N, C-alpha and C. Protein backbone atom coordinates (compact mmCIF):
# COMPACT_ATOMS: atom_id res chain seq x y z
N UNK A 1 -73.77 -26.49 -81.47
CA UNK A 1 -73.86 -27.32 -80.28
C UNK A 1 -72.93 -28.40 -80.29
N UNK A 2 -73.10 -29.11 -81.56
CA UNK A 2 -72.39 -30.36 -81.75
C UNK A 2 -70.91 -30.17 -81.78
N UNK A 3 -70.30 -28.99 -82.48
CA UNK A 3 -69.15 -28.61 -82.38
C UNK A 3 -68.57 -28.36 -80.93
N UNK A 4 -69.29 -27.69 -80.10
CA UNK A 4 -68.87 -27.51 -78.70
C UNK A 4 -68.72 -28.85 -77.82
N UNK A 5 -69.61 -29.78 -78.20
CA UNK A 5 -69.59 -30.90 -77.46
C UNK A 5 -68.47 -31.76 -78.03
N UNK A 6 -68.12 -31.66 -79.15
CA UNK A 6 -66.99 -32.44 -79.86
C UNK A 6 -65.61 -32.00 -79.05
N UNK A 7 -65.71 -30.56 -78.98
CA UNK A 7 -64.43 -29.87 -78.49
C UNK A 7 -64.27 -30.31 -77.08
N UNK A 8 -65.45 -30.23 -76.23
CA UNK A 8 -65.32 -30.82 -74.80
C UNK A 8 -64.92 -32.03 -74.63
N UNK A 9 -65.39 -33.11 -75.60
CA UNK A 9 -64.87 -34.47 -75.56
C UNK A 9 -63.44 -34.58 -75.78
N UNK A 10 -63.03 -33.83 -76.70
CA UNK A 10 -61.52 -33.82 -77.16
C UNK A 10 -60.71 -33.24 -75.92
N UNK A 11 -61.14 -32.18 -75.31
CA UNK A 11 -60.40 -31.67 -74.01
C UNK A 11 -60.39 -32.71 -72.99
N UNK A 12 -61.45 -33.27 -72.71
CA UNK A 12 -61.47 -34.36 -71.57
C UNK A 12 -60.55 -35.58 -71.92
N UNK A 13 -60.55 -36.00 -73.28
CA UNK A 13 -59.57 -37.02 -73.53
C UNK A 13 -58.18 -36.64 -73.46
N UNK A 14 -57.94 -35.38 -73.76
CA UNK A 14 -56.55 -34.78 -73.63
C UNK A 14 -56.08 -34.83 -72.18
N UNK A 15 -57.01 -34.30 -71.32
CA UNK A 15 -56.54 -34.40 -69.79
C UNK A 15 -56.47 -35.71 -69.28
N UNK A 16 -57.29 -36.71 -69.83
CA UNK A 16 -57.32 -38.06 -69.19
C UNK A 16 -55.86 -38.67 -69.71
N UNK A 17 -55.47 -38.36 -70.92
CA UNK A 17 -54.26 -38.98 -71.52
C UNK A 17 -53.04 -38.34 -70.68
N UNK A 18 -53.25 -37.02 -70.45
CA UNK A 18 -52.06 -36.26 -69.67
C UNK A 18 -51.85 -36.97 -68.39
N UNK A 19 -53.12 -37.22 -67.67
CA UNK A 19 -53.13 -37.95 -66.20
C UNK A 19 -52.41 -39.28 -66.40
N UNK A 20 -52.82 -39.98 -67.46
CA UNK A 20 -52.23 -41.40 -67.48
C UNK A 20 -50.83 -41.09 -67.90
N UNK A 21 -50.34 -40.21 -68.49
CA UNK A 21 -48.85 -40.18 -68.89
C UNK A 21 -48.16 -39.72 -67.68
N UNK A 22 -48.73 -38.93 -66.66
CA UNK A 22 -48.03 -38.67 -65.52
C UNK A 22 -47.90 -39.80 -64.61
N UNK A 23 -49.02 -40.63 -64.45
CA UNK A 23 -48.87 -41.82 -63.72
C UNK A 23 -47.92 -42.94 -64.11
N UNK A 24 -47.73 -43.04 -65.60
CA UNK A 24 -46.77 -43.74 -66.13
C UNK A 24 -45.21 -43.26 -65.92
N UNK A 25 -45.23 -42.00 -65.99
CA UNK A 25 -43.91 -41.41 -65.62
C UNK A 25 -43.39 -41.67 -64.27
N UNK A 26 -44.50 -41.49 -63.16
CA UNK A 26 -44.13 -41.72 -61.94
C UNK A 26 -43.72 -43.11 -61.54
N UNK A 27 -44.62 -44.00 -62.19
CA UNK A 27 -44.24 -45.49 -62.09
C UNK A 27 -42.77 -45.85 -62.65
N UNK A 28 -42.53 -45.14 -63.87
CA UNK A 28 -41.17 -45.47 -64.39
C UNK A 28 -40.23 -44.95 -63.49
N UNK A 29 -40.34 -43.74 -62.74
CA UNK A 29 -39.42 -43.10 -62.04
C UNK A 29 -39.10 -43.87 -60.85
N UNK A 30 -40.28 -44.54 -60.19
CA UNK A 30 -40.09 -45.39 -59.09
C UNK A 30 -39.38 -46.81 -59.27
N UNK A 31 -39.65 -47.44 -60.39
CA UNK A 31 -38.93 -48.49 -60.88
C UNK A 31 -37.50 -48.14 -61.06
N UNK A 32 -37.23 -46.99 -61.75
CA UNK A 32 -35.86 -46.54 -62.04
C UNK A 32 -35.13 -46.43 -60.59
N UNK A 33 -35.76 -45.80 -59.58
CA UNK A 33 -35.20 -45.64 -58.25
C UNK A 33 -34.81 -46.88 -57.66
N UNK A 34 -35.86 -47.91 -57.67
CA UNK A 34 -35.72 -49.10 -57.20
C UNK A 34 -34.38 -49.69 -57.81
N UNK A 35 -34.40 -49.66 -59.21
CA UNK A 35 -33.30 -50.23 -60.01
C UNK A 35 -31.99 -49.62 -59.54
N UNK A 36 -32.00 -48.43 -59.10
CA UNK A 36 -30.65 -47.77 -58.69
C UNK A 36 -29.93 -48.32 -57.42
N UNK A 37 -31.02 -48.80 -56.52
CA UNK A 37 -30.58 -49.38 -55.24
C UNK A 37 -29.82 -50.58 -55.59
N UNK A 38 -28.46 -50.76 -55.43
CA UNK A 38 -27.73 -51.79 -55.76
C UNK A 38 -27.75 -52.96 -54.59
N UNK A 39 -27.65 -54.13 -54.91
CA UNK A 39 -27.53 -55.15 -53.91
C UNK A 39 -26.03 -55.26 -53.56
N UNK A 40 -25.69 -55.50 -52.26
CA UNK A 40 -24.32 -55.52 -51.84
C UNK A 40 -23.57 -56.58 -52.54
N UNK A 41 -22.30 -56.53 -52.99
CA UNK A 41 -21.54 -57.51 -53.58
C UNK A 41 -21.28 -58.60 -52.68
N UNK A 42 -20.72 -59.71 -53.17
CA UNK A 42 -20.31 -60.90 -52.35
C UNK A 42 -19.20 -60.39 -51.34
N UNK A 43 -18.29 -59.52 -51.89
CA UNK A 43 -17.12 -59.26 -51.02
C UNK A 43 -17.65 -58.29 -49.80
N UNK A 44 -18.72 -57.44 -50.14
CA UNK A 44 -19.27 -56.49 -49.09
C UNK A 44 -19.96 -57.47 -48.04
N UNK A 45 -20.74 -58.33 -48.55
CA UNK A 45 -21.42 -59.37 -47.59
C UNK A 45 -20.50 -59.98 -46.66
N UNK A 46 -19.32 -60.55 -47.25
CA UNK A 46 -18.38 -61.12 -46.50
C UNK A 46 -17.82 -60.19 -45.38
N UNK A 47 -17.54 -58.99 -45.93
CA UNK A 47 -16.75 -58.08 -44.89
C UNK A 47 -17.75 -57.78 -43.70
N UNK A 48 -19.18 -57.71 -44.09
CA UNK A 48 -20.14 -57.32 -43.01
C UNK A 48 -20.16 -58.56 -42.08
N UNK A 49 -19.97 -59.84 -42.53
CA UNK A 49 -20.23 -60.98 -41.80
C UNK A 49 -18.96 -61.13 -41.02
N UNK A 50 -17.82 -60.68 -41.43
CA UNK A 50 -16.58 -60.75 -40.69
C UNK A 50 -16.62 -59.69 -39.55
N UNK A 51 -17.22 -58.52 -39.70
CA UNK A 51 -17.37 -57.64 -38.78
C UNK A 51 -18.21 -57.98 -37.68
N UNK A 52 -19.36 -58.60 -37.92
CA UNK A 52 -20.24 -59.21 -36.98
C UNK A 52 -19.73 -60.25 -36.14
N UNK A 53 -18.92 -60.95 -36.87
CA UNK A 53 -18.16 -62.22 -35.99
C UNK A 53 -17.19 -61.59 -35.17
N UNK A 54 -16.40 -60.69 -35.71
CA UNK A 54 -15.29 -60.05 -34.75
C UNK A 54 -15.90 -59.42 -33.47
N UNK A 55 -17.04 -58.69 -33.61
CA UNK A 55 -17.86 -58.05 -32.53
C UNK A 55 -18.33 -59.02 -31.55
N UNK A 56 -18.91 -60.25 -32.29
CA UNK A 56 -19.41 -61.20 -31.16
C UNK A 56 -18.38 -61.79 -30.41
N UNK A 57 -17.15 -62.15 -30.88
CA UNK A 57 -15.87 -62.77 -30.39
C UNK A 57 -15.42 -61.67 -29.24
N UNK A 58 -15.40 -60.44 -29.50
CA UNK A 58 -14.92 -59.46 -28.69
C UNK A 58 -15.69 -59.50 -27.39
N UNK A 59 -17.02 -59.50 -27.60
CA UNK A 59 -18.14 -59.51 -26.45
C UNK A 59 -17.90 -60.78 -25.60
N UNK A 60 -17.65 -61.87 -26.31
CA UNK A 60 -17.65 -63.10 -25.68
C UNK A 60 -16.19 -63.22 -24.67
N UNK A 61 -15.36 -62.53 -25.31
CA UNK A 61 -13.95 -62.50 -24.50
C UNK A 61 -14.12 -61.56 -23.27
N UNK A 62 -14.87 -60.47 -23.49
CA UNK A 62 -15.08 -59.39 -22.36
C UNK A 62 -15.89 -60.13 -21.22
N UNK A 63 -16.94 -60.94 -21.65
CA UNK A 63 -17.60 -61.71 -20.57
C UNK A 63 -16.76 -62.87 -19.87
N UNK A 64 -15.90 -63.36 -20.63
CA UNK A 64 -14.93 -64.46 -20.10
C UNK A 64 -14.09 -63.83 -19.11
N UNK A 65 -13.44 -62.71 -19.49
CA UNK A 65 -12.63 -61.96 -18.47
C UNK A 65 -13.28 -61.50 -17.28
N UNK A 66 -14.59 -60.96 -17.32
CA UNK A 66 -15.34 -60.57 -16.38
C UNK A 66 -15.74 -61.64 -15.39
N UNK A 67 -16.21 -62.75 -15.88
CA UNK A 67 -16.41 -64.18 -15.10
C UNK A 67 -15.09 -64.59 -14.41
N UNK A 68 -13.99 -64.46 -15.06
CA UNK A 68 -12.73 -64.90 -14.37
C UNK A 68 -12.35 -64.09 -13.17
N UNK A 69 -12.59 -62.72 -13.47
CA UNK A 69 -12.31 -61.76 -12.28
C UNK A 69 -13.24 -61.87 -11.27
N UNK A 70 -14.56 -62.22 -11.60
CA UNK A 70 -15.64 -62.45 -10.47
C UNK A 70 -15.15 -63.77 -9.75
N UNK A 71 -14.69 -64.80 -10.41
CA UNK A 71 -14.37 -66.07 -9.75
C UNK A 71 -13.06 -65.88 -8.78
N UNK A 72 -12.03 -65.19 -9.26
CA UNK A 72 -10.96 -64.91 -8.52
C UNK A 72 -11.38 -64.20 -7.22
N UNK A 73 -12.22 -62.99 -7.37
CA UNK A 73 -12.70 -62.25 -6.17
C UNK A 73 -13.32 -63.26 -5.23
N UNK A 74 -14.34 -64.07 -5.70
CA UNK A 74 -15.05 -64.93 -4.83
C UNK A 74 -14.01 -65.94 -4.14
N UNK A 75 -13.02 -66.28 -4.71
CA UNK A 75 -12.16 -67.33 -4.25
C UNK A 75 -11.12 -66.63 -3.06
N UNK A 76 -10.62 -65.40 -3.41
CA UNK A 76 -9.81 -64.75 -2.50
C UNK A 76 -10.44 -63.92 -1.48
N UNK A 77 -11.58 -63.30 -1.83
CA UNK A 77 -12.25 -62.49 -0.74
C UNK A 77 -13.64 -62.94 -0.34
N UNK A 78 -13.79 -64.32 -0.53
CA UNK A 78 -15.07 -64.82 -0.12
C UNK A 78 -15.50 -64.77 1.31
N UNK A 79 -14.46 -64.82 2.12
CA UNK A 79 -14.37 -64.67 3.48
C UNK A 79 -14.44 -63.38 4.17
N UNK A 80 -14.55 -62.34 3.24
CA UNK A 80 -14.33 -60.86 3.66
C UNK A 80 -15.31 -60.56 4.85
N UNK A 81 -16.53 -60.87 4.63
CA UNK A 81 -17.50 -60.55 5.66
C UNK A 81 -17.30 -61.32 7.06
N UNK A 82 -16.99 -62.59 6.94
CA UNK A 82 -16.64 -63.32 7.94
C UNK A 82 -15.38 -62.81 8.83
N UNK A 83 -14.47 -62.45 8.01
CA UNK A 83 -13.24 -61.97 8.62
C UNK A 83 -13.46 -60.67 9.37
N UNK A 84 -14.35 -59.79 8.69
CA UNK A 84 -14.50 -58.35 9.40
C UNK A 84 -15.37 -58.65 10.72
N UNK A 85 -16.25 -59.64 10.62
CA UNK A 85 -17.06 -59.89 12.03
C UNK A 85 -16.06 -60.51 13.02
N UNK A 86 -15.15 -61.37 12.56
CA UNK A 86 -14.25 -61.95 13.46
C UNK A 86 -13.26 -61.14 14.26
N UNK A 87 -13.17 -59.90 13.53
CA UNK A 87 -12.24 -58.88 14.35
C UNK A 87 -12.95 -58.56 15.72
N UNK A 88 -14.19 -58.70 16.02
CA UNK A 88 -14.57 -58.27 17.10
C UNK A 88 -14.19 -59.19 18.30
N UNK A 89 -13.74 -60.53 18.01
CA UNK A 89 -13.19 -61.37 18.96
C UNK A 89 -11.95 -60.65 19.61
N UNK A 90 -11.17 -60.03 18.81
CA UNK A 90 -9.93 -59.46 19.17
C UNK A 90 -10.34 -58.18 20.02
N UNK A 91 -11.34 -57.32 19.51
CA UNK A 91 -11.76 -56.17 20.32
C UNK A 91 -12.17 -56.57 21.66
N UNK A 92 -12.99 -57.66 21.69
CA UNK A 92 -13.62 -57.92 23.16
C UNK A 92 -12.44 -58.54 24.02
N UNK A 93 -11.39 -59.13 23.58
CA UNK A 93 -10.42 -59.53 24.34
C UNK A 93 -9.84 -58.40 24.91
N UNK A 94 -9.36 -57.37 24.13
CA UNK A 94 -8.73 -56.19 24.60
C UNK A 94 -9.57 -55.53 25.66
N UNK A 95 -10.99 -55.36 25.30
CA UNK A 95 -11.80 -54.63 26.41
C UNK A 95 -11.78 -55.40 27.68
N UNK A 96 -12.04 -56.79 27.73
CA UNK A 96 -11.86 -57.56 28.77
C UNK A 96 -10.62 -57.43 29.56
N UNK A 97 -9.45 -57.42 28.92
CA UNK A 97 -8.23 -57.19 29.51
C UNK A 97 -8.10 -55.80 30.23
N UNK A 98 -8.69 -54.75 29.54
CA UNK A 98 -8.66 -53.36 30.14
C UNK A 98 -9.61 -53.47 31.41
N UNK A 99 -10.63 -54.10 31.43
CA UNK A 99 -11.63 -54.09 32.48
C UNK A 99 -11.00 -54.82 33.70
N UNK A 100 -10.44 -55.98 33.43
CA UNK A 100 -9.81 -56.62 34.53
C UNK A 100 -8.63 -55.85 35.08
N UNK A 101 -7.76 -55.31 34.29
CA UNK A 101 -6.65 -54.57 34.78
C UNK A 101 -7.12 -53.28 35.50
N UNK A 102 -8.38 -52.89 35.51
CA UNK A 102 -8.76 -51.64 36.04
C UNK A 102 -9.55 -52.06 37.28
N UNK A 103 -9.75 -53.26 37.63
CA UNK A 103 -10.57 -53.80 38.85
C UNK A 103 -9.73 -53.57 40.05
N UNK A 104 -10.12 -52.88 40.97
CA UNK A 104 -9.33 -52.62 42.31
C UNK A 104 -9.23 -53.92 43.06
N UNK A 105 -10.16 -54.65 42.96
CA UNK A 105 -10.14 -56.01 43.90
C UNK A 105 -9.06 -56.86 43.27
N UNK A 106 -9.05 -57.05 41.93
CA UNK A 106 -8.11 -58.00 41.37
C UNK A 106 -6.86 -57.55 41.12
N UNK A 107 -6.38 -56.27 41.35
CA UNK A 107 -5.09 -55.75 41.03
C UNK A 107 -4.01 -56.43 41.92
N UNK A 108 -2.96 -56.69 41.26
CA UNK A 108 -1.79 -57.49 41.91
C UNK A 108 -2.11 -58.75 42.52
N UNK A 109 -3.12 -59.53 41.96
CA UNK A 109 -3.35 -60.81 42.36
C UNK A 109 -2.94 -61.95 41.42
N UNK A 110 -2.60 -63.04 41.93
CA UNK A 110 -2.12 -64.11 41.04
C UNK A 110 -3.16 -64.56 40.13
N UNK A 111 -4.43 -64.32 40.51
CA UNK A 111 -5.44 -64.68 39.58
C UNK A 111 -5.53 -63.98 38.38
N UNK A 112 -5.44 -62.62 38.72
CA UNK A 112 -5.49 -61.59 37.67
C UNK A 112 -4.29 -61.94 36.45
N UNK A 113 -3.12 -62.23 37.12
CA UNK A 113 -1.81 -62.37 36.22
C UNK A 113 -2.15 -63.61 35.28
N UNK A 114 -2.77 -64.72 35.90
CA UNK A 114 -3.13 -65.97 35.17
C UNK A 114 -4.13 -65.68 34.05
N UNK A 115 -5.07 -64.82 34.48
CA UNK A 115 -6.21 -64.66 33.38
C UNK A 115 -5.83 -63.87 32.30
N UNK A 116 -4.89 -62.77 32.56
CA UNK A 116 -4.34 -61.91 31.69
C UNK A 116 -3.42 -62.76 30.68
N UNK A 117 -2.64 -63.77 31.19
CA UNK A 117 -1.81 -64.66 30.39
C UNK A 117 -2.62 -65.48 29.42
N UNK A 118 -3.66 -65.80 29.82
CA UNK A 118 -4.57 -66.77 29.05
C UNK A 118 -5.04 -65.94 27.91
N UNK A 119 -5.67 -64.67 28.41
CA UNK A 119 -6.11 -63.77 27.31
C UNK A 119 -5.11 -63.45 26.23
N UNK A 120 -3.95 -63.29 26.66
CA UNK A 120 -2.69 -63.09 25.59
C UNK A 120 -2.56 -64.14 24.81
N UNK A 121 -2.49 -65.35 25.28
CA UNK A 121 -2.39 -66.46 24.48
C UNK A 121 -3.45 -66.61 23.44
N UNK A 122 -4.69 -66.31 23.81
CA UNK A 122 -5.82 -66.47 22.97
C UNK A 122 -5.69 -65.49 21.71
N UNK A 123 -5.34 -64.21 22.19
CA UNK A 123 -5.19 -63.32 21.18
C UNK A 123 -4.13 -63.65 20.23
N UNK A 124 -3.04 -63.98 20.77
CA UNK A 124 -1.86 -64.37 19.75
C UNK A 124 -2.25 -65.49 18.88
N UNK A 125 -3.03 -66.44 19.31
CA UNK A 125 -3.55 -67.61 18.55
C UNK A 125 -4.45 -67.16 17.40
N UNK A 126 -5.48 -66.07 17.86
CA UNK A 126 -6.10 -65.49 16.82
C UNK A 126 -5.56 -64.90 15.82
N UNK A 127 -4.53 -63.87 16.20
CA UNK A 127 -3.74 -63.17 15.24
C UNK A 127 -2.97 -64.17 14.31
N UNK A 128 -2.60 -65.05 14.87
CA UNK A 128 -1.67 -66.05 14.08
C UNK A 128 -2.80 -66.73 12.86
N UNK A 129 -3.91 -67.14 13.41
CA UNK A 129 -4.87 -67.70 12.46
C UNK A 129 -5.23 -66.59 11.33
N UNK A 130 -5.40 -65.40 11.79
CA UNK A 130 -5.62 -64.39 10.84
C UNK A 130 -4.55 -64.24 9.71
N UNK A 131 -3.45 -64.15 10.23
CA UNK A 131 -2.03 -63.95 9.34
C UNK A 131 -1.94 -65.21 8.22
N UNK A 132 -2.38 -66.35 8.80
CA UNK A 132 -2.29 -67.46 7.81
C UNK A 132 -3.33 -67.32 6.67
N UNK A 133 -4.43 -66.60 7.07
CA UNK A 133 -5.46 -66.36 5.95
C UNK A 133 -5.30 -64.92 5.32
N UNK A 134 -4.01 -64.32 5.33
CA UNK A 134 -3.73 -63.18 4.68
C UNK A 134 -4.49 -61.79 5.41
N UNK A 135 -4.79 -62.06 6.56
CA UNK A 135 -5.59 -60.85 7.47
C UNK A 135 -4.37 -60.37 8.25
N UNK A 136 -4.02 -59.16 8.23
CA UNK A 136 -2.75 -58.69 8.79
C UNK A 136 -3.23 -57.31 9.46
N UNK A 137 -2.57 -57.13 10.54
CA UNK A 137 -2.72 -55.81 11.33
C UNK A 137 -2.03 -54.65 10.64
N UNK A 138 -2.66 -53.44 10.64
CA UNK A 138 -1.93 -52.21 10.10
C UNK A 138 -1.04 -51.66 11.08
N UNK A 139 0.29 -51.52 10.80
CA UNK A 139 1.31 -50.83 11.68
C UNK A 139 1.11 -49.34 11.22
N UNK A 140 0.78 -48.60 12.31
CA UNK A 140 0.39 -47.13 12.05
C UNK A 140 1.22 -46.15 12.91
N UNK A 141 1.50 -46.53 14.08
CA UNK A 141 2.38 -45.70 14.83
C UNK A 141 3.35 -44.96 14.43
N UNK A 142 3.61 -43.69 14.65
CA UNK A 142 4.69 -42.91 14.18
C UNK A 142 4.86 -42.84 12.65
N UNK A 143 3.66 -43.05 11.98
CA UNK A 143 3.73 -42.87 10.53
C UNK A 143 2.57 -41.85 10.22
N UNK A 144 2.75 -41.18 8.92
CA UNK A 144 1.95 -40.22 8.57
C UNK A 144 0.47 -40.68 8.33
N UNK A 145 -0.39 -39.96 8.57
CA UNK A 145 -1.72 -40.27 8.43
C UNK A 145 -2.11 -40.68 7.02
N UNK A 146 -2.53 -41.88 6.51
CA UNK A 146 -3.14 -42.20 5.27
C UNK A 146 -4.39 -42.45 5.24
N UNK A 147 -5.38 -41.69 4.53
CA UNK A 147 -6.85 -41.84 4.68
C UNK A 147 -7.15 -43.17 4.03
N UNK A 148 -6.28 -43.76 3.32
CA UNK A 148 -6.64 -45.12 2.68
C UNK A 148 -6.69 -46.28 3.85
N UNK A 149 -5.92 -46.05 4.94
CA UNK A 149 -5.83 -47.06 6.01
C UNK A 149 -6.12 -46.53 7.34
N UNK A 150 -6.13 -45.23 7.57
CA UNK A 150 -6.29 -44.71 8.86
C UNK A 150 -7.39 -43.76 8.95
N UNK A 151 -8.08 -43.65 10.02
CA UNK A 151 -9.11 -42.74 10.34
C UNK A 151 -8.85 -41.94 11.48
N UNK A 152 -8.64 -40.58 11.39
CA UNK A 152 -8.25 -39.87 12.48
C UNK A 152 -9.49 -39.40 13.47
N UNK A 153 -9.33 -39.83 14.70
CA UNK A 153 -10.44 -39.67 15.63
C UNK A 153 -10.19 -38.28 16.56
N UNK A 154 -8.86 -37.95 16.71
CA UNK A 154 -8.79 -36.80 17.45
C UNK A 154 -7.23 -36.16 17.05
N UNK A 155 -7.02 -34.93 17.59
CA UNK A 155 -5.88 -34.32 17.32
C UNK A 155 -5.17 -34.03 18.62
N UNK A 156 -3.80 -34.33 18.81
CA UNK A 156 -3.25 -34.26 20.11
C UNK A 156 -1.92 -33.17 19.89
N UNK A 157 -1.87 -32.20 20.79
CA UNK A 157 -0.81 -31.12 20.63
C UNK A 157 0.51 -31.97 20.93
N UNK A 158 1.41 -31.86 19.92
CA UNK A 158 2.74 -32.45 20.23
C UNK A 158 3.79 -31.68 19.24
N UNK A 159 4.54 -30.85 19.77
CA UNK A 159 5.66 -30.19 18.92
C UNK A 159 6.77 -31.03 18.57
N UNK A 160 7.02 -32.15 19.09
CA UNK A 160 8.08 -33.23 18.89
C UNK A 160 7.72 -34.08 17.67
N UNK A 161 6.44 -34.18 17.35
CA UNK A 161 6.23 -34.83 16.04
C UNK A 161 5.79 -33.89 14.93
N UNK A 162 6.05 -34.13 13.76
CA UNK A 162 5.59 -33.51 12.63
C UNK A 162 3.99 -33.59 12.48
N UNK A 163 3.18 -32.52 12.28
CA UNK A 163 1.74 -32.39 12.28
C UNK A 163 1.45 -33.49 11.17
N UNK A 164 0.26 -34.23 11.62
CA UNK A 164 -0.40 -35.29 10.90
C UNK A 164 0.32 -36.66 11.07
N UNK A 165 1.18 -36.70 12.12
CA UNK A 165 1.82 -38.01 12.59
C UNK A 165 0.95 -38.77 13.43
N UNK A 166 0.83 -40.10 13.40
CA UNK A 166 0.04 -40.77 14.30
C UNK A 166 0.82 -41.11 15.50
N UNK A 167 0.11 -40.67 16.58
CA UNK A 167 0.93 -40.92 17.93
C UNK A 167 0.18 -41.59 18.85
N UNK A 168 -1.09 -41.92 18.49
CA UNK A 168 -2.03 -42.91 19.29
C UNK A 168 -3.00 -43.71 18.54
N UNK A 169 -2.90 -45.01 18.79
CA UNK A 169 -3.79 -46.12 18.15
C UNK A 169 -5.05 -46.34 19.13
N UNK A 170 -6.21 -45.85 18.61
CA UNK A 170 -7.44 -46.09 19.44
C UNK A 170 -7.89 -47.55 19.18
N UNK A 171 -7.96 -47.91 17.89
CA UNK A 171 -8.32 -49.18 17.56
C UNK A 171 -7.59 -49.69 16.38
N UNK A 172 -7.15 -51.05 16.49
CA UNK A 172 -6.34 -51.60 15.35
C UNK A 172 -7.05 -51.69 14.10
N UNK A 173 -6.32 -51.55 12.94
CA UNK A 173 -6.99 -51.87 11.60
C UNK A 173 -6.35 -53.09 11.04
N UNK A 174 -7.05 -53.50 10.11
CA UNK A 174 -6.62 -54.77 9.45
C UNK A 174 -6.76 -54.81 7.87
N UNK A 175 -6.09 -55.50 7.17
CA UNK A 175 -6.17 -55.58 5.77
C UNK A 175 -6.29 -57.14 5.35
N UNK A 176 -7.17 -57.46 4.29
CA UNK A 176 -7.09 -58.80 3.98
C UNK A 176 -6.58 -58.76 2.58
N UNK A 177 -5.29 -59.39 2.35
CA UNK A 177 -4.58 -59.26 1.00
C UNK A 177 -4.35 -57.83 0.81
N UNK A 178 -4.73 -57.30 -0.32
CA UNK A 178 -4.58 -56.06 -0.72
C UNK A 178 -5.73 -55.01 -0.59
N UNK A 179 -6.75 -55.49 0.26
CA UNK A 179 -7.83 -54.81 0.58
C UNK A 179 -7.93 -54.39 1.89
N UNK A 180 -8.52 -53.23 2.26
CA UNK A 180 -8.78 -52.76 3.49
C UNK A 180 -10.03 -53.45 4.10
N UNK A 181 -9.70 -54.14 5.36
CA UNK A 181 -10.84 -54.87 6.06
C UNK A 181 -11.43 -53.92 7.00
N UNK A 182 -10.73 -53.10 7.72
CA UNK A 182 -11.22 -51.94 8.61
C UNK A 182 -9.96 -51.05 8.82
N UNK A 183 -10.32 -49.60 8.87
CA UNK A 183 -9.17 -48.80 9.03
C UNK A 183 -8.83 -48.66 10.43
N UNK A 184 -7.55 -48.18 10.65
CA UNK A 184 -6.91 -47.92 12.26
C UNK A 184 -7.68 -46.53 12.59
N UNK A 185 -8.24 -46.72 13.95
CA UNK A 185 -8.83 -45.43 14.49
C UNK A 185 -7.63 -44.88 15.34
N UNK A 186 -7.24 -43.47 14.83
CA UNK A 186 -5.98 -43.06 15.53
C UNK A 186 -6.17 -41.60 15.85
N UNK A 187 -5.07 -41.17 16.69
CA UNK A 187 -4.88 -39.86 17.09
C UNK A 187 -3.63 -39.30 16.42
N UNK A 188 -3.82 -38.12 15.97
CA UNK A 188 -2.58 -37.47 15.21
C UNK A 188 -2.03 -36.24 15.85
N UNK A 189 -1.00 -35.99 15.51
CA UNK A 189 -0.34 -34.84 16.20
C UNK A 189 -0.62 -33.55 15.61
N UNK A 190 -0.61 -32.46 16.42
CA UNK A 190 -0.64 -31.10 15.88
C UNK A 190 0.20 -30.21 16.48
N UNK A 191 0.60 -28.91 15.86
CA UNK A 191 1.40 -28.18 16.69
C UNK A 191 0.61 -27.44 17.88
N UNK A 192 1.53 -27.21 18.76
CA UNK A 192 0.74 -26.63 20.14
C UNK A 192 0.47 -25.22 19.80
N UNK A 193 -0.79 -24.89 20.16
CA UNK A 193 -1.26 -23.58 19.88
C UNK A 193 -0.44 -22.51 20.73
N UNK A 194 -0.06 -21.45 20.08
CA UNK A 194 0.70 -20.33 20.59
C UNK A 194 -0.26 -19.37 21.52
N UNK A 195 0.04 -18.98 22.69
CA UNK A 195 -0.70 -18.25 23.51
C UNK A 195 -0.51 -16.84 23.03
N UNK A 196 -1.53 -16.13 23.27
CA UNK A 196 -1.58 -14.75 22.88
C UNK A 196 -0.66 -13.83 23.68
N UNK A 197 0.31 -13.32 23.03
CA UNK A 197 1.33 -12.47 23.74
C UNK A 197 0.65 -11.27 24.34
N UNK A 198 -0.30 -10.69 23.83
CA UNK A 198 -0.99 -9.49 24.39
C UNK A 198 -1.58 -9.90 25.70
N UNK A 199 -2.20 -11.02 25.66
CA UNK A 199 -2.87 -11.51 26.91
C UNK A 199 -1.99 -11.58 28.06
N UNK A 200 -0.69 -12.23 27.73
CA UNK A 200 0.12 -12.34 28.78
C UNK A 200 0.77 -11.03 29.35
N UNK A 201 0.85 -10.10 28.46
CA UNK A 201 1.36 -8.63 28.97
C UNK A 201 0.41 -8.05 29.69
N UNK A 202 -0.91 -8.26 29.48
CA UNK A 202 -1.96 -7.62 30.31
C UNK A 202 -1.97 -8.24 31.59
N UNK A 203 -1.73 -9.57 31.73
CA UNK A 203 -1.86 -10.20 32.85
C UNK A 203 -0.50 -9.77 33.88
N UNK A 204 0.64 -9.59 33.24
CA UNK A 204 1.79 -9.15 33.90
C UNK A 204 1.54 -7.68 34.50
N UNK A 205 1.04 -6.91 33.59
CA UNK A 205 0.64 -5.43 33.96
C UNK A 205 -0.30 -5.48 35.18
N UNK A 206 -1.23 -6.45 35.16
CA UNK A 206 -2.18 -6.56 36.13
C UNK A 206 -1.60 -6.81 37.56
N UNK A 207 -0.64 -7.76 37.52
CA UNK A 207 0.03 -8.16 38.68
C UNK A 207 0.99 -7.12 39.22
N UNK A 208 1.66 -6.35 38.27
CA UNK A 208 2.36 -5.21 38.84
C UNK A 208 1.82 -4.18 39.55
N UNK A 209 0.46 -3.96 39.11
CA UNK A 209 -0.32 -2.91 39.75
C UNK A 209 -0.85 -3.34 41.12
C-alpha cells in the first residue's frame, strides 16, 4: 500500500511539473513574440509623419480650390434666379403688343402706333440692361437644332430647309455668360411627307369610270 501511494505521489508531482513547464514555455514564447515586434525606426517615423502632412496639405488645397470656385460662382451667377424671373417682363411686353395689334378697335389708329412705339422703347431698354449684365438673347433662326440651347416644340414641313433647321421661334432663349438661362422654344423643319402613289392611282381610276 505504501509503495502504491508513493508511486501515485510521484506521478502527480510529475504531472504538476509538466504543466508548470508548459506554462513557462508558453510565457516564454509570448515574450519572444512580443520581442519580435520591432518598434519603427526614427526614419520610418519621419516618413510616416511626412506622409500625413502631405495628405493634410492636399486636403486643405482641395478645400481652398472648392471655396474659390463657389465664391466665383456666387459672384458671377448670384443673380441667376433674378435674371430668369426678369425675362417675364420681356415676355409680357411681347404678349401685350400682340394683343393690341390684334384689337380691331385700335387697328390703324394713332393711339396704337404710339403705344407700340413706347413698348418697343421699353423692350430695347430692358434688352440693353440685360446685355450689360451678360444676359444675351440666343440667335436661333435658320440654325441647326442644338439641345443645349433649343427646345423643339413642333415640326413644320419644309423641303427648302434641311431637316432639323429652326424656321420658327416661339419664345426667345437667353444665356447668362456661359450658362443657359432658358432655352429657345422653336419649330424645326422636316421633309414633306410623300403621298401614297397607289392612292392617287385609285382616285384617277375612279374618276375615269
